[in-house]
Amino acid sequence: MREEDKLDYGVHTPDLVPTPSPKPETYPEAEADTSVIRQVTIHFWDSGTKKRGKPHGVHGAEIRWVILDHAPETVKGSA
């Protein structure tokens, strides 16, 4: 498909070069809600306030867990 046709049809070509995002001015605080079995809900808010939602510029969080027979000696490489 020609680039002109893509524009006419509203087809967006993904950018292959990541656009840098600005560093957040604050950091998020979070709370894990485990009140529902087999579900973990993470509630975010901006540091120093209880207003819900991630701070501007924060994309999300990565959470990892594993169930082991014994506690790991370190967190690094345990997942």
C-alpha atoms as a PDB file:
ATOM      1  CA  MET A   1       0.000   0.000   0.000  1.00  0.00           C
ATOM      2  CA  ARG A   2       1.336   3.434  -0.895  1.00  0.00           C
ATOM      3  CA  GLU A   3       1.954   5.981   1.875  1.00  0.00           C
ATOM      4  CA  GLU A   4      -0.648   8.290   0.285  1.00  0.00           C
ATOM      5  CA  ASP A   5      -3.247   5.500   0.437  1.00  0.00           C
ATOM      6  CA  LYS A   6      -2.425   4.821   4.068  1.00  0.00           C
ATOM      7  CA  LEU A   7      -3.049   8.466   4.921  1.00  0.00           C
ATOM      8  CA  ASP A   8      -6.326   8.475   2.953  1.00  0.00           C
ATOM      9  CA  TYR A   9      -7.579   5.385   4.816  1.00  0.00           C
ATOM     10  CA  GLY A  10      -6.311   6.545   8.192  1.00  0.00           C
ATOM     11  CA  VAL A  11      -3.852   3.642   8.512  1.00  0.00           C
ATOM     12  CA  HIS A  12      -1.055   4.508  10.914  1.00  0.00           C
ATOM     13  CA  THR A  13       2.415   3.136  10.291  1.00  0.00           C
ATOM     14  CA  PRO A  14       4.028   2.349  13.656  1.00  0.00           C
ATOM     15  CA  ASP A  15       7.166   4.282  14.513  1.00  0.00           C
ATOM     16  CA  LEU A  16      10.083   1.872  14.687  1.00  0.00           C
ATOM     17  CA  VAL A  17      12.236   4.262  16.721  1.00  0.00           C
ATOM     18  CA  PRO A  18      11.064   4.646  20.337  1.00  0.00           C
ATOM     19  CA  THR A  19      10.298   8.229  21.310  1.00  0.00           C
ATOM     20  CA  PRO A  20      11.945   9.073  24.625  1.00  0.00           C
ATOM     21  CA  SER A  21       9.551  10.174  27.338  1.00  0.00           C
ATOM     22  CA  PRO A  22      10.467  12.716  29.991  1.00  0.00           C
ATOM     23  CA  LYS A  23      11.539  11.469  33.398  1.00  0.00           C
ATOM     24  CA  PRO A  24       8.703  11.753  35.933  1.00  0.00           C
ATOM     25  CA  GLU A  25       9.097  14.612  38.389  1.00  0.00           C
ATOM     26  CA  THR A  26       7.639  12.515  41.225  1.00  0.00           C
ATOM     27  CA  TYR A  27       7.375   8.808  41.843  1.00  0.00           C
ATOM     28  CA  PRO A  28       4.329   6.597  42.264  1.00  0.00           C
ATOM     29  CA  GLU A  29       3.369   4.916  45.479  1.00  0.00           C
ATOM     30  CA  ALA A  30       1.357   1.728  45.277  1.00  0.00           C
ATOM     31  CA  GLU A  31      -0.752  -0.599  47.356  1.00  0.00           C
ATOM     32  CA  ALA A  32      -1.524  -4.236  46.551  1.00  0.00           C
ATOM     33  CA  ASP A  33      -5.131  -5.300  47.127  1.00  0.00           C
ATOM     34  CA  THR A  34      -5.427  -9.090  47.570  1.00  0.00           C
ATOM     35  CA  SER A  35      -9.037  -9.148  48.789  1.00  0.00           C
ATOM     36  CA  VAL A  36     -10.142 -11.233  45.758  1.00  0.00           C
ATOM     37  CA  ILE A  37      -8.735 -14.762  45.590  1.00  0.00           C
ATOM     38  CA  ARG A  38      -6.145 -15.311  42.831  1.00  0.00           C
ATOM     39  CA  GLN A  39      -6.218 -11.622  41.906  1.00  0.00           C
ATOM     40  CA  VAL A  40      -3.860  -8.801  42.816  1.00  0.00           C
ATOM     41  CA  THR A  41      -5.033  -5.256  42.106  1.00  0.00           C
ATOM     42  CA  ILE A  42      -2.450  -2.498  42.335  1.00  0.00           C
ATOM     43  CA  HIS A  43      -3.686   0.958  43.312  1.00  0.00           C
ATOM     44  CA  PHE A  44      -1.337   3.816  42.330  1.00  0.00           C
ATOM     45  CA  TRP A  45      -1.157   7.381  43.546  1.00  0.00           C
ATOM     46  CA  ASP A  46       1.299  10.207  43.222  1.00  0.00           C
ATOM     47  CA  SER A  47       3.892  10.484  45.965  1.00  0.00           C
ATOM     48  CA  GLY A  48       2.716  12.610  48.871  1.00  0.00           C
ATOM     49  CA  THR A  49      -0.985  12.534  47.956  1.00  0.00           C
ATOM     50  CA  LYS A  50      -3.840  10.038  48.056  1.00  0.00           C
ATOM     51  CA  LYS A  51      -5.201  11.139  44.662  1.00  0.00           C
ATOM     52  CA  ARG A  52      -5.555   7.899  42.696  1.00  0.00           C
ATOM     53  CA  GLY A  53      -3.800   7.392  39.393  1.00  0.00           C
ATOM     54  CA  LYS A  54      -0.252   7.121  38.167  1.00  0.00           C
ATOM     55  CA  PRO A  55       1.863  10.279  38.157  1.00  0.00           C
ATOM     56  CA  HIS A  56       2.277  12.005  34.792  1.00  0.00           C
ATOM     57  CA  GLY A  57       4.908  10.209  32.732  1.00  0.00           C
ATOM     58  CA  VAL A  58       4.611   6.883  34.563  1.00  0.00           C
ATOM     59  CA  HIS A  59       3.607   4.094  32.197  1.00  0.00           C
ATOM     60  CA  GLY A  60       2.873   1.279  34.601  1.00  0.00           C
ATOM     61  CA  ALA A  61       4.490  -1.379  36.703  1.00  0.00           C
ATOM     62  CA  GLU A  62       5.983  -4.804  36.221  1.00  0.00           C
ATOM     63  CA  ILE A  63       5.122  -7.325  38.882  1.00  0.00           C
ATOM     64  CA  ARG A  64       6.742 -10.728  39.176  1.00  0.00           C
ATOM     65  CA  TRP A  65       6.126 -13.486  41.650  1.00  0.00           C
ATOM     66  CA  VAL A  66       6.869 -17.132  42.037  1.00  0.00           C
ATOM     67  CA  ILE A  67       5.826 -19.803  44.501  1.00  0.00           C
ATOM     68  CA  LEU A  68       8.874 -21.687  45.758  1.00  0.00           C
ATOM     69  CA  ASP A  69       9.497 -24.404  48.307  1.00  0.00           C
ATOM     70  CA  HIS A  70      12.086 -22.190  50.042  1.00  0.00           C
ATOM     71  CA  ALA A  71      12.613 -18.433  50.157  1.00  0.00           C
ATOM     72  CA  PRO A  72      15.328 -17.275  47.722  1.00  0.00           C
ATOM     73  CA  GLU A  73      18.563 -15.881  49.107  1.00  0.00           C
ATOM     74  CA  THR A  74      18.278 -12.848  46.793  1.00  0.00           C
ATOM     75  CA  VAL A  75      15.550 -11.374  44.623  1.00  0.00           C
ATOM     76  CA  LYS A  76      17.805 -11.088  41.572  1.00  0.00           C
ATOM     77  CA  GLY A  77      17.220 -13.971  39.175  1.00  0.00           C
ATOM     78  CA  SER A  78      14.594 -15.679  41.313  1.00  0.00           C
ATOM     79  CA  ALA A  79      11.794 -15.412  38.721  1.00  0.00           C
END
